[in-house]
Amino acid sequence: MTIIQLFPSLFLLLLLPSSAAPTAAATISQQFKEAPRYYNSPECPSTVNTPPLTVDPTVDPTVQVAMTLDAAYLRGSMAAVLSVLQHSSCPENIIFHFVTSSSSNASLLRATISNSFPYLNFHVYPFNDSLVSGLISTSIRAALDCPLNYARSYLANILPLHVSKVVYLDSDLVLVDDIATLAATPLGDSILAAPEYCNANFAFYFTPTFWSNPSLSATFSDRKPCYFNTGVMVMDLDTWRAGEYTTKIEEWMELQKRMRIYELGSLPPFLLVFAGKIAPVNHRWNQHGLGGDNYRGLCRDLHPGPVSLLHWSGKSKPWVRLDAERPCPLDALWAPYDLLKPPFSFDS
């Protein structure tokens, strides 16, 4: 038996770049179980003869899903993927698009996904951190300042042109319903679809500097803006590309560097460009905030109503609380999707 067979975690650590932070190394060295293989139901449309460049997304039998992928949230990403497959009636028709930092060990991340999901149809794309690093302003929580957190703004540029519509998902969530239902959300003339929360205090997401400036506050004068969470979105990438919406988001980020108009990372630029213009989605598709607020991460209950997706947005993540043996009650709903192997033990 080789040293690699005896100590697989050590082998993974040796593959990491020497500049990797210790916390990232510890996370990516974790071992994950192989997930079951999931098959299409007999009613699923075949993708065998689907042209690679499908022009009309309404006749495309595939569901395109985009997520970011990094060492720190890898455990959450694995659980999210498993939940998507487990609750899909046509799991073989799902194509995953993982975006990872160009400075990460993409080969190792790809191998980790392949080992746990040998039959998964997926692609990995590098995201150049320098595209956005100079535009990021410090926010109320350090995790929100990670360049990869802004990759969702660049999906239209990162993904191939034939990907015309995509479901974007954060890594700290699980689905308990068929993602095809979410993907089929009619967008109409909108570029995005997401659950809206019009009872939230929309003014909270921008600073007094913003609201006291007549030219800035007039941004919303011709629409009824509502808060929406950018961790779950259906996106029309063709229209995004044609309208150069990445540039529109960057323009707001450039203004933020000159005068502080918001505090919450990548969310406010999305609100500035899209709030009041998105297609609605039932709230069941983003039961968000389960990670608590951005300061203390206290336990929260579900919003009233049915549930199709549970989202641990906020400061605390379920795997962290479970490992610390201080879980919130709803973290038990995430645990069945956790693919982490138990730590290596010489007694086993």
Protein backbone atom coordinates (compact mmCIF):
# COMPACT_ATOMS: atom_id res chain seq x y z
CA MET A 1 0.00 0.00 0.00
CA THR A 2 1.40 3.39 -1.00
CA ILE A 3 1.67 6.50 1.18
CA ILE A 4 -1.02 8.10 -1.00
CA GLN A 5 -3.43 5.22 -0.30
CA LEU A 6 -2.73 5.47 3.41
CA PHE A 7 -3.04 9.24 3.61
CA PRO A 8 -5.28 10.55 0.79
CA SER A 9 -5.81 13.86 2.60
CA LEU A 10 -2.05 14.43 2.69
CA PHE A 11 -1.92 13.84 -1.07
CA LEU A 12 -4.61 16.45 -1.64
CA LEU A 13 -2.73 18.94 0.51
CA LEU A 14 0.43 18.40 -1.54
CA LEU A 15 -1.50 19.29 -4.68
CA LEU A 16 -2.48 22.67 -3.30
CA PRO A 17 -0.58 25.79 -4.38
CA SER A 18 1.99 26.82 -1.80
CA SER A 19 0.27 30.19 -1.44
CA ALA A 20 -3.05 28.67 -0.40
CA ALA A 21 -4.34 29.81 2.96
CA PRO A 22 -4.38 27.16 5.72
CA THR A 23 -8.17 27.35 6.07
CA ALA A 24 -8.65 26.75 2.35
CA ALA A 25 -6.23 23.82 2.44
CA ALA A 26 -8.05 22.24 5.34
CA THR A 27 -11.38 22.49 3.58
CA ILE A 28 -10.29 21.14 0.21
CA SER A 29 -8.47 18.22 1.80
CA GLN A 30 -11.76 16.85 3.10
CA GLN A 31 -12.90 13.61 1.54
CA PHE A 32 -16.39 13.17 0.10
CA LYS A 33 -18.52 10.09 -0.47
CA GLU A 34 -19.69 9.03 -3.91
CA ALA A 35 -23.30 10.03 -4.48
CA PRO A 36 -25.87 7.60 -5.88
CA ARG A 37 -26.49 7.71 -9.60
CA TYR A 38 -29.86 9.21 -10.54
CA TYR A 39 -31.72 8.31 -13.72
CA ASN A 40 -34.32 10.03 -15.87
CA SER A 41 -37.94 9.04 -15.55
CA PRO A 42 -39.47 7.48 -18.71
CA GLU A 43 -41.28 10.74 -19.52
CA CYS A 44 -38.07 12.79 -19.81
CA PRO A 45 -37.24 14.17 -23.27
CA SER A 46 -34.08 12.82 -24.82
CA THR A 47 -31.03 15.05 -25.18
CA VAL A 48 -29.20 12.69 -27.53
CA ASN A 49 -30.17 14.46 -30.75
CA THR A 50 -30.32 17.97 -29.30
CA PRO A 51 -28.18 20.34 -31.42
CA PRO A 52 -25.22 21.73 -29.47
CA LEU A 53 -26.23 25.28 -30.38
CA THR A 54 -29.89 25.34 -29.43
CA VAL A 55 -31.30 28.72 -30.44
CA ASP A 56 -34.74 28.39 -28.90
CA PRO A 57 -34.50 27.64 -25.14
CA THR A 58 -38.17 26.57 -25.11
CA VAL A 59 -37.26 23.43 -27.08
CA ASP A 60 -34.08 22.69 -25.16
CA PRO A 61 -34.69 19.67 -22.89
CA THR A 62 -31.66 20.45 -20.74
CA VAL A 63 -31.58 22.49 -17.55
CA GLN A 64 -28.48 24.66 -17.28
CA VAL A 65 -27.30 25.37 -13.71
CA ALA A 66 -24.49 27.76 -12.78
CA MET A 67 -22.68 27.80 -9.43
CA THR A 68 -19.39 29.09 -8.09
CA LEU A 69 -16.91 26.57 -6.74
CA ASP A 70 -14.16 27.11 -4.20
CA ALA A 71 -12.44 25.36 -1.32
CA ALA A 72 -14.19 27.29 1.43
CA TYR A 73 -17.71 26.41 0.28
CA LEU A 74 -16.99 23.09 -1.41
CA ARG A 75 -18.90 21.09 1.19
CA GLY A 76 -21.97 23.23 0.63
CA SER A 77 -21.65 22.96 -3.15
CA MET A 78 -21.55 19.16 -2.97
CA ALA A 79 -24.72 19.10 -0.88
CA ALA A 80 -26.46 21.52 -3.25
CA VAL A 81 -25.63 19.41 -6.31
CA LEU A 82 -26.84 16.24 -4.59
CA SER A 83 -30.13 17.90 -3.65
CA VAL A 84 -30.69 19.10 -7.22
CA LEU A 85 -30.14 15.61 -8.64
CA GLN A 86 -32.12 13.79 -5.97
CA HIS A 87 -35.28 15.82 -6.49
CA SER A 88 -35.13 16.10 -10.27
CA SER A 89 -37.41 13.99 -12.44
CA CYS A 90 -34.85 14.33 -15.28
CA PRO A 91 -31.44 14.49 -13.54
CA GLU A 92 -29.55 13.30 -16.64
CA ASN A 93 -30.79 16.39 -18.49
CA ILE A 94 -29.08 18.78 -16.06
CA ILE A 95 -25.80 20.43 -17.05
CA PHE A 96 -23.79 22.13 -14.32
CA HIS A 97 -21.48 25.07 -15.00
CA PHE A 98 -19.02 25.66 -12.16
CA VAL A 99 -17.11 28.95 -12.03
CA THR A 100 -13.95 28.98 -9.96
CA SER A 101 -11.25 31.54 -9.26
CA SER A 102 -8.38 31.48 -11.75
CA SER A 103 -6.05 31.33 -8.75
CA SER A 104 -7.65 28.15 -7.35
CA ASN A 105 -6.62 24.57 -8.05
CA ALA A 106 -9.26 23.90 -10.69
CA SER A 107 -7.96 20.41 -11.44
CA LEU A 108 -8.40 19.36 -7.83
CA LEU A 109 -11.88 20.87 -7.61
CA ARG A 110 -12.84 19.14 -10.87
CA ALA A 111 -11.52 15.81 -9.58
CA THR A 112 -13.46 16.20 -6.33
CA ILE A 113 -16.72 16.72 -8.23
CA SER A 114 -15.98 13.82 -10.58
CA ASN A 115 -15.18 11.43 -7.75
CA SER A 116 -18.45 12.09 -5.94
CA PHE A 117 -20.58 12.46 -9.09
CA PRO A 118 -18.97 10.20 -11.75
CA TYR A 119 -21.92 10.56 -14.12
CA LEU A 120 -22.46 14.30 -13.74
CA ASN A 121 -22.51 16.43 -16.88
CA PHE A 122 -20.49 19.47 -15.85
CA HIS A 123 -17.94 22.05 -16.94
CA VAL A 124 -15.49 24.19 -14.93
CA TYR A 125 -14.60 27.73 -15.99
CA PRO A 126 -11.90 30.04 -14.59
CA PHE A 127 -12.91 33.46 -13.34
CA ASN A 128 -10.24 36.13 -13.54
CA ASP A 129 -10.30 37.83 -10.14
CA SER A 130 -8.59 40.90 -11.55
CA LEU A 131 -11.74 41.72 -13.56
CA VAL A 132 -13.48 42.79 -10.38
CA SER A 133 -10.92 43.04 -7.58
CA GLY A 134 -10.28 46.71 -8.30
CA LEU A 135 -14.01 47.46 -8.18
CA ILE A 136 -14.82 45.82 -4.85
CA SER A 137 -15.48 48.05 -1.86
CA THR A 138 -15.29 46.71 1.68
CA SER A 139 -18.67 45.64 3.03
CA ILE A 140 -20.13 44.70 6.39
CA ARG A 141 -18.82 41.11 6.19
CA ALA A 142 -15.45 39.98 4.79
CA ALA A 143 -16.94 36.94 3.02
CA LEU A 144 -18.99 39.30 0.85
CA ASP A 145 -15.80 40.88 -0.50
CA CYS A 146 -14.46 37.72 -2.16
CA PRO A 147 -14.05 38.34 -5.92
CA LEU A 148 -15.75 35.02 -6.72
CA ASN A 149 -18.88 36.38 -5.03
CA TYR A 150 -19.14 38.76 -7.98
CA ALA A 151 -18.81 36.07 -10.67
CA ARG A 152 -22.60 35.93 -11.09
CA SER A 153 -22.34 39.36 -12.73
CA TYR A 154 -20.05 37.88 -15.40
CA LEU A 155 -21.85 34.63 -16.24
CA ALA A 156 -22.93 35.94 -19.65
CA ASN A 157 -19.26 36.44 -20.50
CA ILE A 158 -17.96 33.25 -18.88
CA LEU A 159 -20.41 30.64 -20.15
CA PRO A 160 -20.50 29.56 -23.82
CA LEU A 161 -22.73 31.57 -26.14
CA HIS A 162 -25.07 28.63 -26.75
CA VAL A 163 -26.06 28.74 -23.05
CA SER A 164 -28.93 31.18 -23.41
CA LYS A 165 -30.74 30.63 -20.09
CA VAL A 166 -29.34 29.51 -16.77
CA VAL A 167 -30.44 28.93 -13.19
CA TYR A 168 -27.89 30.48 -10.83
CA LEU A 169 -27.61 28.90 -7.37
CA ASP A 170 -25.52 29.81 -4.33
CA SER A 171 -23.54 27.07 -2.57
CA ASP A 172 -25.30 27.32 0.79
CA LEU A 173 -28.67 25.90 -0.20
CA VAL A 174 -30.53 22.67 -0.92
CA LEU A 175 -33.51 22.00 -3.16
CA VAL A 176 -36.41 19.80 -2.12
CA ASP A 177 -38.29 20.17 -5.39
CA ASP A 178 -37.66 19.67 -9.12
CA ILE A 179 -35.33 22.34 -10.48
CA ALA A 180 -36.99 22.03 -13.90
CA THR A 181 -39.99 23.83 -12.45
CA LEU A 182 -37.81 26.77 -11.45
CA ALA A 183 -35.96 26.74 -14.77
CA ALA A 184 -39.27 26.92 -16.66
CA THR A 185 -40.14 30.27 -15.05
CA PRO A 186 -41.44 32.57 -17.81
CA LEU A 187 -39.26 35.65 -18.05
CA GLY A 188 -41.39 37.65 -20.46
CA ASP A 189 -39.51 40.87 -21.19
CA SER A 190 -37.39 40.55 -18.04
CA ILE A 191 -33.76 39.49 -17.88
CA LEU A 192 -33.99 37.97 -14.41
CA ALA A 193 -36.54 36.03 -12.41
CA ALA A 194 -36.33 35.68 -8.63
CA PRO A 195 -38.58 35.80 -5.57
CA GLU A 196 -39.27 39.41 -4.59
CA TYR A 197 -39.77 40.62 -1.01
CA CYS A 198 -41.65 43.91 -1.23
CA ASN A 199 -42.27 44.04 2.53
CA ALA A 200 -38.53 44.44 3.16
CA ASN A 201 -37.24 47.94 3.85
CA PHE A 202 -35.70 48.66 0.45
CA ALA A 203 -34.16 51.92 1.65
CA PHE A 204 -31.97 49.89 4.03
CA TYR A 205 -29.84 48.57 1.16
CA PHE A 206 -28.44 52.02 0.30
CA THR A 207 -26.76 54.71 2.34
CA PRO A 208 -28.15 58.14 3.23
CA THR A 209 -25.63 59.51 0.74
CA PHE A 210 -27.47 57.70 -2.02
CA TRP A 211 -30.99 58.72 -0.98
CA SER A 212 -30.03 62.35 -0.35
CA ASN A 213 -28.65 62.73 -3.86
CA PRO A 214 -31.57 63.59 -6.21
CA SER A 215 -29.88 62.24 -9.32
CA LEU A 216 -29.07 58.92 -7.63
CA SER A 217 -32.38 58.37 -5.85
CA ALA A 218 -34.14 59.10 -9.17
CA THR A 219 -32.78 55.74 -10.35
CA PHE A 220 -35.95 54.10 -9.05
CA SER A 221 -38.40 56.87 -9.98
CA ASP A 222 -39.96 54.97 -12.88
CA ARG A 223 -40.29 51.57 -11.17
CA LYS A 224 -41.46 49.93 -7.97
CA PRO A 225 -38.27 48.34 -6.60
CA CYS A 226 -38.36 45.41 -4.21
CA TYR A 227 -35.57 43.49 -2.54
CA PHE A 228 -34.62 40.17 -4.09
CA ASN A 229 -31.89 37.72 -3.10
CA THR A 230 -29.30 37.07 -5.82
CA GLY A 231 -28.51 33.54 -4.56
CA VAL A 232 -31.34 32.05 -6.64
CA MET A 233 -32.00 33.53 -10.08
CA VAL A 234 -33.20 32.47 -13.51
CA MET A 235 -31.18 34.49 -16.04
CA ASP A 236 -31.67 35.25 -19.73
CA LEU A 237 -28.04 35.37 -20.83
CA ASP A 238 -28.77 36.27 -24.45
CA THR A 239 -30.60 39.45 -23.46
CA TRP A 240 -27.97 40.16 -20.80
CA ARG A 241 -25.23 39.98 -23.42
CA ALA A 242 -27.14 42.13 -25.91
CA GLY A 243 -27.80 44.80 -23.27
CA GLU A 244 -24.26 44.68 -21.83
CA TYR A 245 -25.61 44.44 -18.31
CA THR A 246 -22.25 43.47 -16.85
CA THR A 247 -21.03 46.93 -17.82
CA LYS A 248 -24.07 48.54 -16.17
CA ILE A 249 -23.27 46.72 -12.90
CA GLU A 250 -19.61 47.71 -13.12
CA GLU A 251 -20.56 51.37 -13.56
CA TRP A 252 -22.39 51.32 -10.23
CA MET A 253 -19.41 49.61 -8.58
CA GLU A 254 -17.11 52.32 -9.94
CA LEU A 255 -19.38 54.98 -8.46
CA GLN A 256 -19.33 53.13 -5.13
CA LYS A 257 -15.54 53.47 -5.09
CA ARG A 258 -15.90 57.26 -5.33
CA MET A 259 -18.82 57.76 -2.94
CA ARG A 260 -20.18 55.10 -0.61
CA ILE A 261 -23.76 54.41 -1.68
CA TYR A 262 -24.24 50.89 -0.24
CA GLU A 263 -22.79 48.43 2.28
CA LEU A 264 -23.71 44.91 1.17
CA GLY A 265 -21.21 43.57 -1.37
CA SER A 266 -22.50 42.28 -4.72
CA LEU A 267 -26.23 42.63 -3.99
CA PRO A 268 -26.82 46.42 -4.30
CA PRO A 269 -25.52 46.74 -7.88
CA PHE A 270 -28.02 44.06 -8.91
CA LEU A 271 -30.78 45.97 -7.15
CA LEU A 272 -29.76 49.22 -8.81
CA VAL A 273 -29.93 47.67 -12.27
CA PHE A 274 -32.79 45.19 -11.93
CA ALA A 275 -35.03 45.91 -8.89
CA GLY A 276 -38.57 46.53 -10.09
CA LYS A 277 -37.82 44.96 -13.47
CA ILE A 278 -37.60 41.23 -12.70
CA ALA A 279 -40.09 38.44 -13.33
CA PRO A 280 -41.66 37.11 -10.14
CA VAL A 281 -40.98 33.67 -8.66
CA ASN A 282 -42.92 32.07 -5.83
CA HIS A 283 -41.26 32.58 -2.44
CA ARG A 284 -41.09 28.81 -1.97
CA TRP A 285 -38.05 28.86 -4.29
CA ASN A 286 -35.88 30.85 -1.89
CA GLN A 287 -36.54 30.33 1.80
CA HIS A 288 -33.49 32.45 2.51
CA GLY A 289 -31.86 33.91 5.61
CA LEU A 290 -31.44 30.57 7.41
CA GLY A 291 -27.83 31.48 8.16
CA GLY A 292 -29.01 34.39 10.29
CA ASP A 293 -28.08 38.04 9.83
CA ASN A 294 -24.69 39.34 8.73
CA TYR A 295 -23.57 40.13 12.28
CA ARG A 296 -24.50 37.32 14.69
CA GLY A 297 -25.90 34.54 12.52
CA LEU A 298 -28.68 33.64 14.94
CA CYS A 299 -31.13 30.81 14.23
CA ARG A 300 -34.16 31.67 12.13
CA ASP A 301 -37.43 29.99 11.23
CA LEU A 302 -38.83 29.40 7.79
CA HIS A 303 -41.00 32.01 6.18
CA PRO A 304 -44.70 31.06 6.13
CA GLY A 305 -45.78 28.91 3.19
CA PRO A 306 -44.54 25.91 1.19
CA VAL A 307 -40.85 25.18 0.64
CA SER A 308 -39.00 24.16 -2.53
CA LEU A 309 -35.55 25.52 -1.66
CA LEU A 310 -33.83 26.19 1.67
CA HIS A 311 -31.10 28.83 1.63
CA TRP A 312 -28.64 29.42 4.48
CA SER A 313 -27.75 32.95 3.40
CA GLY A 314 -26.30 35.02 6.22
CA LYS A 315 -23.29 34.72 8.47
CA SER A 316 -23.61 31.09 9.67
CA LYS A 317 -23.56 27.95 7.53
CA PRO A 318 -25.16 24.65 8.51
CA TRP A 319 -22.01 22.55 8.16
CA VAL A 320 -20.10 24.90 10.45
CA ARG A 321 -22.79 24.78 13.14
CA LEU A 322 -23.16 21.01 12.85
CA ASP A 323 -19.40 20.48 13.23
CA ALA A 324 -19.40 22.76 16.27
CA GLU A 325 -22.31 20.73 17.71
CA ARG A 326 -24.32 23.94 17.97
CA PRO A 327 -26.82 23.48 15.15
CA CYS A 328 -29.98 25.41 14.58
CA PRO A 329 -33.13 23.27 14.26
CA LEU A 330 -33.37 23.75 10.47
CA ASP A 331 -29.77 22.61 9.95
CA ALA A 332 -31.12 19.07 10.32
CA LEU A 333 -32.76 19.56 6.93
CA TRP A 334 -29.34 20.19 5.32
CA ALA A 335 -27.54 17.28 7.01
CA PRO A 336 -28.99 14.44 4.83
CA TYR A 337 -27.30 15.97 1.77
CA ASP A 338 -23.86 16.22 3.39
CA LEU A 339 -21.42 13.99 1.46
CA LEU A 340 -18.46 14.57 3.78
CA LYS A 341 -16.69 11.38 4.84
CA PRO A 342 -15.95 10.95 8.55
CA PRO A 343 -12.41 12.00 9.53
CA PHE A 344 -9.70 9.36 9.07
CA SER A 345 -9.20 7.35 12.20
CA PHE A 346 -6.42 4.87 13.04
CA ASP A 347 -9.03 2.94 15.06
CA SER A 348 -11.22 2.26 12.02
